[in-house]
ModelCIF file with pLDDT and N, C-alpha, C, O atoms, coordinates in Angstrom:
data_MODEL
#
_entry.id   MODEL 
#
_entity.id                         1 
_entity.type                       polymer 
_entity.pdbx_number_of_molecules   1 
#
_entity_poly.entity_id                      1 
_entity_poly.type                           'polypeptide(L)' 
_entity_poly.nstd_linkage                   no 
_entity_poly.nstd_monomer                   no 
_entity_poly.pdbx_seq_one_letter_code       QHVSPADIMLTVYSRWGAAFPVNIKMGEQTTRMIHHVL 
_entity_poly.pdbx_seq_one_letter_code_can   QHVSPADIMLTVYSRWGAAFPVNIKMGEQTTRMIHHVL 
_entity_poly.pdbx_strand_id                 A 
#
loop_
_entity_poly_seq.entity_id 
_entity_poly_seq.num 
_entity_poly_seq.mon_id 
_entity_poly_seq.hetero 
1 1  GLN n 
1 2  HIS n 
1 3  VAL n 
1 4  SER n 
1 5  PRO n 
1 6  ALA n 
1 7  ASP n 
1 8  ILE n 
1 9  MET n 
1 10 LEU n 
1 11 THR n 
1 12 VAL n 
1 13 TYR n 
1 14 SER n 
1 15 ARG n 
1 16 TRP n 
1 17 GLY n 
1 18 ALA n 
1 19 ALA n 
1 20 PHE n 
1 21 PRO n 
1 22 VAL n 
1 23 ASN n 
1 24 ILE n 
1 25 LYS n 
1 26 MET n 
1 27 GLY n 
1 28 GLU n 
1 29 GLN n 
1 30 THR n 
1 31 THR n 
1 32 ARG n 
1 33 MET n 
1 34 ILE n 
1 35 HIS n 
1 36 HIS n 
1 37 VAL n 
1 38 LEU n 
#
_struct_asym.id          A 
_struct_asym.entity_id   1 
#
loop_
_ma_qa_metric.id 
_ma_qa_metric.mode 
_ma_qa_metric.name 
_ma_qa_metric.software_group_id 
_ma_qa_metric.type 
1 global pLDDT . pLDDT 
2 local  pLDDT . pLDDT 
#
_ma_qa_metric_global.metric_id      1 
_ma_qa_metric_global.metric_value   97.34 
_ma_qa_metric_global.model_id       1 
_ma_qa_metric_global.ordinal_id     1 
#
loop_
_ma_qa_metric_local.label_asym_id 
_ma_qa_metric_local.label_comp_id 
_ma_qa_metric_local.label_seq_id 
_ma_qa_metric_local.metric_id 
_ma_qa_metric_local.metric_value 
_ma_qa_metric_local.model_id 
_ma_qa_metric_local.ordinal_id 
A GLN 1  2 93.00 1 1  
A HIS 2  2 94.00 1 2  
A VAL 3  2 97.00 1 3  
A SER 4  2 97.00 1 4  
A PRO 5  2 98.00 1 5  
A ALA 6  2 98.00 1 6  
A ASP 7  2 98.00 1 7  
A ILE 8  2 98.00 1 8  
A MET 9  2 98.00 1 9  
A LEU 10 2 98.00 1 10 
A THR 11 2 98.00 1 11 
A VAL 12 2 98.00 1 12 
A TYR 13 2 98.00 1 13 
A SER 14 2 98.00 1 14 
A ARG 15 2 97.00 1 15 
A TRP 16 2 98.00 1 16 
A GLY 17 2 96.00 1 17 
A ALA 18 2 96.00 1 18 
A ALA 19 2 96.00 1 19 
A PHE 20 2 97.00 1 20 
A PRO 21 2 97.00 1 21 
A VAL 22 2 97.00 1 22 
A ASN 23 2 96.00 1 23 
A ILE 24 2 97.00 1 24 
A LYS 25 2 97.00 1 25 
A MET 26 2 98.00 1 26 
A GLY 27 2 98.00 1 27 
A GLU 28 2 98.00 1 28 
A GLN 29 2 98.00 1 29 
A THR 30 2 98.00 1 30 
A THR 31 2 98.00 1 31 
A ARG 32 2 98.00 1 32 
A MET 33 2 98.00 1 33 
A ILE 34 2 98.00 1 34 
A HIS 35 2 98.00 1 35 
A HIS 36 2 98.00 1 36 
A VAL 37 2 98.00 1 37 
A LEU 38 2 98.00 1 38 
#
loop_
_atom_site.group_PDB 
_atom_site.id 
_atom_site.type_symbol 
_atom_site.label_atom_id 
_atom_site.label_alt_id 
_atom_site.label_comp_id 
_atom_site.label_asym_id 
_atom_site.label_entity_id 
_atom_site.label_seq_id 
_atom_site.pdbx_PDB_ins_code 
_atom_site.Cartn_x 
_atom_site.Cartn_y 
_atom_site.Cartn_z 
_atom_site.occupancy 
_atom_site.B_iso_or_equiv 
_atom_site.pdbx_formal_charge 
_atom_site.auth_seq_id 
_atom_site.auth_comp_id 
_atom_site.auth_asym_id 
_atom_site.auth_atom_id 
_atom_site.pdbx_PDB_model_num 
ATOM 1   N N  . GLN A 1 1  ? 3.423  -11.879 17.917 1.00 93.00 ? 1  GLN A N  1 
ATOM 2   C CA . GLN A 1 1  ? 1.983  -12.198 17.083 1.00 93.00 ? 1  GLN A CA 1 
ATOM 3   C C  . GLN A 1 1  ? 1.295  -10.965 16.882 1.00 93.00 ? 1  GLN A C  1 
ATOM 4   O O  . GLN A 1 1  ? 0.213  -11.010 16.297 1.00 93.00 ? 1  GLN A O  1 
ATOM 5   N N  . HIS A 1 2  ? 1.809  -9.722  17.326 1.00 94.00 ? 2  HIS A N  1 
ATOM 6   C CA . HIS A 1 2  ? 1.077  -8.529  17.017 1.00 94.00 ? 2  HIS A CA 1 
ATOM 7   C C  . HIS A 1 2  ? 2.022  -7.540  16.414 1.00 94.00 ? 2  HIS A C  1 
ATOM 8   O O  . HIS A 1 2  ? 3.232  -7.544  16.640 1.00 94.00 ? 2  HIS A O  1 
ATOM 9   N N  . VAL A 1 3  ? 1.387  -6.670  15.613 1.00 97.00 ? 3  VAL A N  1 
ATOM 10  C CA . VAL A 1 3  ? 2.186  -5.674  14.904 1.00 97.00 ? 3  VAL A CA 1 
ATOM 11  C C  . VAL A 1 3  ? 2.876  -4.835  15.827 1.00 97.00 ? 3  VAL A C  1 
ATOM 12  O O  . VAL A 1 3  ? 2.218  -4.401  16.773 1.00 97.00 ? 3  VAL A O  1 
ATOM 13  N N  . SER A 1 4  ? 4.114  -4.517  15.728 1.00 97.00 ? 4  SER A N  1 
ATOM 14  C CA . SER A 1 4  ? 4.993  -3.743  16.631 1.00 97.00 ? 4  SER A CA 1 
ATOM 15  C C  . SER A 1 4  ? 5.152  -2.306  16.133 1.00 97.00 ? 4  SER A C  1 
ATOM 16  O O  . SER A 1 4  ? 4.782  -2.109  14.975 1.00 97.00 ? 4  SER A O  1 
ATOM 17  N N  . PRO A 1 5  ? 5.644  -1.271  16.820 1.00 98.00 ? 5  PRO A N  1 
ATOM 18  C CA . PRO A 1 5  ? 6.012  -0.157  16.355 1.00 98.00 ? 5  PRO A CA 1 
ATOM 19  C C  . PRO A 1 5  ? 7.157  -0.074  15.287 1.00 98.00 ? 5  PRO A C  1 
ATOM 20  O O  . PRO A 1 5  ? 7.194  0.779   14.400 1.00 98.00 ? 5  PRO A O  1 
ATOM 21  N N  . ALA A 1 6  ? 8.056  -1.025  15.473 1.00 98.00 ? 6  ALA A N  1 
ATOM 22  C CA . ALA A 1 6  ? 9.083  -1.269  14.465 1.00 98.00 ? 6  ALA A CA 1 
ATOM 23  C C  . ALA A 1 6  ? 8.512  -1.635  13.111 1.00 98.00 ? 6  ALA A C  1 
ATOM 24  O O  . ALA A 1 6  ? 8.855  -1.070  12.073 1.00 98.00 ? 6  ALA A O  1 
ATOM 25  N N  . ASP A 1 7  ? 7.582  -2.655  13.183 1.00 98.00 ? 7  ASP A N  1 
ATOM 26  C CA . ASP A 1 7  ? 6.901  -3.056  11.928 1.00 98.00 ? 7  ASP A CA 1 
ATOM 27  C C  . ASP A 1 7  ? 6.367  -1.836  11.157 1.00 98.00 ? 7  ASP A C  1 
ATOM 28  O O  . ASP A 1 7  ? 6.548  -1.727  9.944  1.00 98.00 ? 7  ASP A O  1 
ATOM 29  N N  . ILE A 1 8  ? 5.704  -0.924  11.887 1.00 98.00 ? 8  ILE A N  1 
ATOM 30  C CA . ILE A 1 8  ? 5.052  0.155   11.339 1.00 98.00 ? 8  ILE A CA 1 
ATOM 31  C C  . ILE A 1 8  ? 6.182  1.107   10.772 1.00 98.00 ? 8  ILE A C  1 
ATOM 32  O O  . ILE A 1 8  ? 5.979  1.605   9.665  1.00 98.00 ? 8  ILE A O  1 
ATOM 33  N N  . MET A 1 9  ? 7.247  1.372   11.379 1.00 98.00 ? 9  MET A N  1 
ATOM 34  C CA . MET A 1 9  ? 8.285  2.266   10.974 1.00 98.00 ? 9  MET A CA 1 
ATOM 35  C C  . MET A 1 9  ? 8.966  1.507   9.645  1.00 98.00 ? 9  MET A C  1 
ATOM 36  O O  . MET A 1 9  ? 9.215  2.118   8.606  1.00 98.00 ? 9  MET A O  1 
ATOM 37  N N  . LEU A 1 10 ? 9.176  0.366   9.800  1.00 98.00 ? 10 LEU A N  1 
ATOM 38  C CA . LEU A 1 10 ? 9.885  -0.460  8.535  1.00 98.00 ? 10 LEU A CA 1 
ATOM 39  C C  . LEU A 1 10 ? 8.934  -0.320  7.362  1.00 98.00 ? 10 LEU A C  1 
ATOM 40  O O  . LEU A 1 10 ? 9.369  -0.185  6.218  1.00 98.00 ? 10 LEU A O  1 
ATOM 41  N N  . THR A 1 11 ? 7.540  -0.352  7.662  1.00 98.00 ? 11 THR A N  1 
ATOM 42  C CA . THR A 1 11 ? 6.646  -0.322  6.496  1.00 98.00 ? 11 THR A CA 1 
ATOM 43  C C  . THR A 1 11 ? 6.712  0.952   5.834  1.00 98.00 ? 11 THR A C  1 
ATOM 44  O O  . THR A 1 11 ? 6.661  1.010   4.605  1.00 98.00 ? 11 THR A O  1 
ATOM 45  N N  . VAL A 1 12 ? 6.813  1.905   6.499  1.00 98.00 ? 12 VAL A N  1 
ATOM 46  C CA . VAL A 1 12 ? 6.913  3.449   6.063  1.00 98.00 ? 12 VAL A CA 1 
ATOM 47  C C  . VAL A 1 12 ? 8.300  3.533   5.191  1.00 98.00 ? 12 VAL A C  1 
ATOM 48  O O  . VAL A 1 12 ? 8.325  4.016   4.059  1.00 98.00 ? 12 VAL A O  1 
ATOM 49  N N  . TYR A 1 13 ? 9.290  3.073   5.768  1.00 98.00 ? 13 TYR A N  1 
ATOM 50  C CA . TYR A 1 13 ? 10.615 3.132   5.023  1.00 98.00 ? 13 TYR A CA 1 
ATOM 51  C C  . TYR A 1 13 ? 10.613 2.283   3.712  1.00 98.00 ? 13 TYR A C  1 
ATOM 52  O O  . TYR A 1 13 ? 11.249 2.590   2.704  1.00 98.00 ? 13 TYR A O  1 
ATOM 53  N N  . SER A 1 14 ? 9.769  1.107   3.854  1.00 98.00 ? 14 SER A N  1 
ATOM 54  C CA . SER A 1 14 ? 9.866  0.294   2.604  1.00 98.00 ? 14 SER A CA 1 
ATOM 55  C C  . SER A 1 14 ? 9.380  1.009   1.389  1.00 98.00 ? 14 SER A C  1 
ATOM 56  O O  . SER A 1 14 ? 9.745  0.633   0.275  1.00 98.00 ? 14 SER A O  1 
ATOM 57  N N  . ARG A 1 15 ? 8.482  2.138   1.564  1.00 97.00 ? 15 ARG A N  1 
ATOM 58  C CA . ARG A 1 15 ? 7.896  2.784   0.460  1.00 97.00 ? 15 ARG A CA 1 
ATOM 59  C C  . ARG A 1 15 ? 8.847  3.690   -0.236 1.00 97.00 ? 15 ARG A C  1 
ATOM 60  O O  . ARG A 1 15 ? 8.598  4.081   -1.377 1.00 97.00 ? 15 ARG A O  1 
ATOM 61  N N  . TRP A 1 16 ? 10.057 4.083   0.472  1.00 98.00 ? 16 TRP A N  1 
ATOM 62  C CA . TRP A 1 16 ? 10.975 4.998   -0.011 1.00 98.00 ? 16 TRP A CA 1 
ATOM 63  C C  . TRP A 1 16 ? 11.796 4.439   -1.245 1.00 98.00 ? 16 TRP A C  1 
ATOM 64  O O  . TRP A 1 16 ? 12.169 5.253   -2.089 1.00 98.00 ? 16 TRP A O  1 
ATOM 65  N N  . GLY A 1 17 ? 12.065 3.241   -1.382 1.00 96.00 ? 17 GLY A N  1 
ATOM 66  C CA . GLY A 1 17 ? 12.957 2.786   -2.355 1.00 96.00 ? 17 GLY A CA 1 
ATOM 67  C C  . GLY A 1 17 ? 12.344 3.159   -3.755 1.00 96.00 ? 17 GLY A C  1 
ATOM 68  O O  . GLY A 1 17 ? 13.106 3.410   -4.688 1.00 96.00 ? 17 GLY A O  1 
ATOM 69  N N  . ALA A 1 18 ? 11.082 3.195   -3.905 1.00 96.00 ? 18 ALA A N  1 
ATOM 70  C CA . ALA A 1 18 ? 10.464 3.427   -5.321 1.00 96.00 ? 18 ALA A CA 1 
ATOM 71  C C  . ALA A 1 18 ? 10.845 4.621   -5.822 1.00 96.00 ? 18 ALA A C  1 
ATOM 72  O O  . ALA A 1 18 ? 10.639 4.840   -7.016 1.00 96.00 ? 18 ALA A O  1 
ATOM 73  N N  . ALA A 1 19 ? 11.443 5.567   -5.033 1.00 96.00 ? 19 ALA A N  1 
ATOM 74  C CA . ALA A 1 19 ? 11.810 6.977   -5.575 1.00 96.00 ? 19 ALA A CA 1 
ATOM 75  C C  . ALA A 1 19 ? 13.197 7.028   -6.218 1.00 96.00 ? 19 ALA A C  1 
ATOM 76  O O  . ALA A 1 19 ? 13.625 8.068   -6.719 1.00 96.00 ? 19 ALA A O  1 
ATOM 77  N N  . PHE A 1 20 ? 13.958 5.777   -6.192 1.00 97.00 ? 20 PHE A N  1 
ATOM 78  C CA . PHE A 1 20 ? 15.216 5.742   -6.646 1.00 97.00 ? 20 PHE A CA 1 
ATOM 79  C C  . PHE A 1 20 ? 15.417 4.511   -7.639 1.00 97.00 ? 20 PHE A C  1 
ATOM 80  O O  . PHE A 1 20 ? 14.788 3.461   -7.504 1.00 97.00 ? 20 PHE A O  1 
ATOM 81  N N  . PRO A 1 21 ? 16.369 4.739   -8.671 1.00 97.00 ? 21 PRO A N  1 
ATOM 82  C CA . PRO A 1 21 ? 16.643 3.628   -9.593 1.00 97.00 ? 21 PRO A CA 1 
ATOM 83  C C  . PRO A 1 21 ? 17.438 2.468   -9.014 1.00 97.00 ? 21 PRO A C  1 
ATOM 84  O O  . PRO A 1 21 ? 18.523 2.133   -9.490 1.00 97.00 ? 21 PRO A O  1 
ATOM 85  N N  . VAL A 1 22 ? 16.933 1.928   -8.086 1.00 97.00 ? 22 VAL A N  1 
ATOM 86  C CA . VAL A 1 22 ? 17.541 0.804   -7.449 1.00 97.00 ? 22 VAL A CA 1 
ATOM 87  C C  . VAL A 1 22 ? 16.568 -0.410  -7.254 1.00 97.00 ? 22 VAL A C  1 
ATOM 88  O O  . VAL A 1 22 ? 15.348 -0.255  -7.311 1.00 97.00 ? 22 VAL A O  1 
ATOM 89  N N  . ASN A 1 23 ? 17.131 -1.571  -7.031 1.00 96.00 ? 23 ASN A N  1 
ATOM 90  C CA . ASN A 1 23 ? 16.400 -2.807  -6.743 1.00 96.00 ? 23 ASN A CA 1 
ATOM 91  C C  . ASN A 1 23 ? 16.405 -3.228  -5.387 1.00 96.00 ? 23 ASN A C  1 
ATOM 92  O O  . ASN A 1 23 ? 17.289 -3.977  -4.971 1.00 96.00 ? 23 ASN A O  1 
ATOM 93  N N  . ILE A 1 24 ? 15.468 -2.798  -4.650 1.00 97.00 ? 24 ILE A N  1 
ATOM 94  C CA . ILE A 1 24 ? 15.340 -3.216  -3.054 1.00 97.00 ? 24 ILE A CA 1 
ATOM 95  C C  . ILE A 1 24 ? 14.640 -4.612  -3.138 1.00 97.00 ? 24 ILE A C  1 
ATOM 96  O O  . ILE A 1 24 ? 13.593 -4.855  -3.738 1.00 97.00 ? 24 ILE A O  1 
ATOM 97  N N  . LYS A 1 25 ? 15.370 -5.434  -2.465 1.00 97.00 ? 25 LYS A N  1 
ATOM 98  C CA . LYS A 1 25 ? 14.807 -6.813  -2.405 1.00 97.00 ? 25 LYS A CA 1 
ATOM 99  C C  . LYS A 1 25 ? 14.172 -7.172  -0.958 1.00 97.00 ? 25 LYS A C  1 
ATOM 100 O O  . LYS A 1 25 ? 14.834 -6.901  0.044  1.00 97.00 ? 25 LYS A O  1 
ATOM 101 N N  . MET A 1 26 ? 13.070 -7.696  -0.851 1.00 98.00 ? 26 MET A N  1 
ATOM 102 C CA . MET A 1 26 ? 12.562 -8.116  0.488  1.00 98.00 ? 26 MET A CA 1 
ATOM 103 C C  . MET A 1 26 ? 12.023 -9.633  0.250  1.00 98.00 ? 26 MET A C  1 
ATOM 104 O O  . MET A 1 26 ? 11.547 -10.055 -0.804 1.00 98.00 ? 26 MET A O  1 
ATOM 105 N N  . GLY A 1 27 ? 12.192 -10.322 1.396  1.00 98.00 ? 27 GLY A N  1 
ATOM 106 C CA . GLY A 1 27 ? 11.833 -11.711 1.258  1.00 98.00 ? 27 GLY A CA 1 
ATOM 107 C C  . GLY A 1 27 ? 10.214 -11.859 1.344  1.00 98.00 ? 27 GLY A C  1 
ATOM 108 O O  . GLY A 1 27 ? 9.440  -10.907 1.440  1.00 98.00 ? 27 GLY A O  1 
ATOM 109 N N  . GLU A 1 28 ? 9.895  -13.056 1.299  1.00 98.00 ? 28 GLU A N  1 
ATOM 110 C CA . GLU A 1 28 ? 8.403  -13.320 1.355  1.00 98.00 ? 28 GLU A CA 1 
ATOM 111 C C  . GLU A 1 28 ? 7.799  -13.050 2.685  1.00 98.00 ? 28 GLU A C  1 
ATOM 112 O O  . GLU A 1 28 ? 6.678  -12.543 2.652  1.00 98.00 ? 28 GLU A O  1 
ATOM 113 N N  . GLN A 1 29 ? 8.333  -13.293 3.875  1.00 98.00 ? 29 GLN A N  1 
ATOM 114 C CA . GLN A 1 29 ? 7.751  -12.970 5.229  1.00 98.00 ? 29 GLN A CA 1 
ATOM 115 C C  . GLN A 1 29 ? 7.783  -11.552 5.339  1.00 98.00 ? 29 GLN A C  1 
ATOM 116 O O  . GLN A 1 29 ? 6.855  -10.969 5.901  1.00 98.00 ? 29 GLN A O  1 
ATOM 117 N N  . THR A 1 30 ? 8.857  -10.868 4.810  1.00 98.00 ? 30 THR A N  1 
ATOM 118 C CA . THR A 1 30 ? 8.843  -9.368  5.027  1.00 98.00 ? 30 THR A CA 1 
ATOM 119 C C  . THR A 1 30 ? 7.831  -8.661  4.255  1.00 98.00 ? 30 THR A C  1 
ATOM 120 O O  . THR A 1 30 ? 7.245  -7.693  4.738  1.00 98.00 ? 30 THR A O  1 
ATOM 121 N N  . THR A 1 31 ? 7.591  -9.099  3.063  1.00 98.00 ? 31 THR A N  1 
ATOM 122 C CA . THR A 1 31 ? 6.637  -8.525  2.212  1.00 98.00 ? 31 THR A CA 1 
ATOM 123 C C  . THR A 1 31 ? 5.145  -8.746  2.667  1.00 98.00 ? 31 THR A C  1 
ATOM 124 O O  . THR A 1 31 ? 4.239  -7.929  2.503  1.00 98.00 ? 31 THR A O  1 
ATOM 125 N N  . ARG A 1 32 ? 5.038  -9.953  3.250  1.00 98.00 ? 32 ARG A N  1 
ATOM 126 C CA . ARG A 1 32 ? 3.702  -10.314 3.815  1.00 98.00 ? 32 ARG A CA 1 
ATOM 127 C C  . ARG A 1 32 ? 3.471  -9.391  5.003  1.00 98.00 ? 32 ARG A C  1 
ATOM 128 O O  . ARG A 1 32 ? 2.397  -8.792  5.053  1.00 98.00 ? 32 ARG A O  1 
ATOM 129 N N  . MET A 1 33 ? 4.437  -9.207  6.029  1.00 98.00 ? 33 MET A N  1 
ATOM 130 C CA . MET A 1 33 ? 4.319  -8.261  6.951  1.00 98.00 ? 33 MET A CA 1 
ATOM 131 C C  . MET A 1 33 ? 3.936  -6.969  6.591  1.00 98.00 ? 33 MET A C  1 
ATOM 132 O O  . MET A 1 33 ? 2.990  -6.426  7.161  1.00 98.00 ? 33 MET A O  1 
ATOM 133 N N  . ILE A 1 34 ? 4.646  -6.353  5.597  1.00 98.00 ? 34 ILE A N  1 
ATOM 134 C CA . ILE A 1 34 ? 4.485  -5.117  5.043  1.00 98.00 ? 34 ILE A CA 1 
ATOM 135 C C  . ILE A 1 34 ? 3.048  -4.952  4.514  1.00 98.00 ? 34 ILE A C  1 
ATOM 136 O O  . ILE A 1 34 ? 2.354  -3.989  4.840  1.00 98.00 ? 34 ILE A O  1 
ATOM 137 N N  . HIS A 1 35 ? 2.649  -5.876  3.729  1.00 98.00 ? 35 HIS A N  1 
ATOM 138 C CA . HIS A 1 35 ? 1.325  -5.728  3.214  1.00 98.00 ? 35 HIS A CA 1 
ATOM 139 C C  . HIS A 1 35 ? 0.295  -5.703  4.244  1.00 98.00 ? 35 HIS A C  1 
ATOM 140 O O  . HIS A 1 35 ? -0.675 -4.953  4.137  1.00 98.00 ? 35 HIS A O  1 
ATOM 141 N N  . HIS A 1 36 ? 0.471  -6.555  5.325  1.00 98.00 ? 36 HIS A N  1 
ATOM 142 C CA . HIS A 1 36 ? -0.401 -6.550  6.458  1.00 98.00 ? 36 HIS A CA 1 
ATOM 143 C C  . HIS A 1 36 ? -0.538 -5.145  7.087  1.00 98.00 ? 36 HIS A C  1 
ATOM 144 O O  . HIS A 1 36 ? -1.638 -4.597  7.162  1.00 98.00 ? 36 HIS A O  1 
ATOM 145 N N  . VAL A 1 37 ? 0.550  -4.596  7.518  1.00 98.00 ? 37 VAL A N  1 
ATOM 146 C CA . VAL A 1 37 ? 0.717  -3.197  7.985  1.00 98.00 ? 37 VAL A CA 1 
ATOM 147 C C  . VAL A 1 37 ? 0.060  -2.214  7.109  1.00 98.00 ? 37 VAL A C  1 
ATOM 148 O O  . VAL A 1 37 ? -0.697 -1.385  7.614  1.00 98.00 ? 37 VAL A O  1 
ATOM 149 N N  . LEU A 1 38 ? 0.281  -2.232  5.839  1.00 98.00 ? 38 LEU A N  1 
ATOM 150 C CA . LEU A 1 38 ? -0.230 -1.259  4.956  1.00 98.00 ? 38 LEU A CA 1 
ATOM 151 C C  . LEU A 1 38 ? -1.727 -1.354  5.058  1.00 98.00 ? 38 LEU A C  1 
ATOM 152 O O  . LEU A 1 38 ? -2.441 -0.609  4.386  1.00 98.00 ? 38 LEU A O  1 
#
């Protein structure tokens, strides 16, 4: 029910895909979690 260190780490990593010509796909719940942490 609370943000964890791993959620914070994953949110940082999630920003890296934009630097490359790839399509990184994240599900609805993952996207919600990342937006919350950001």
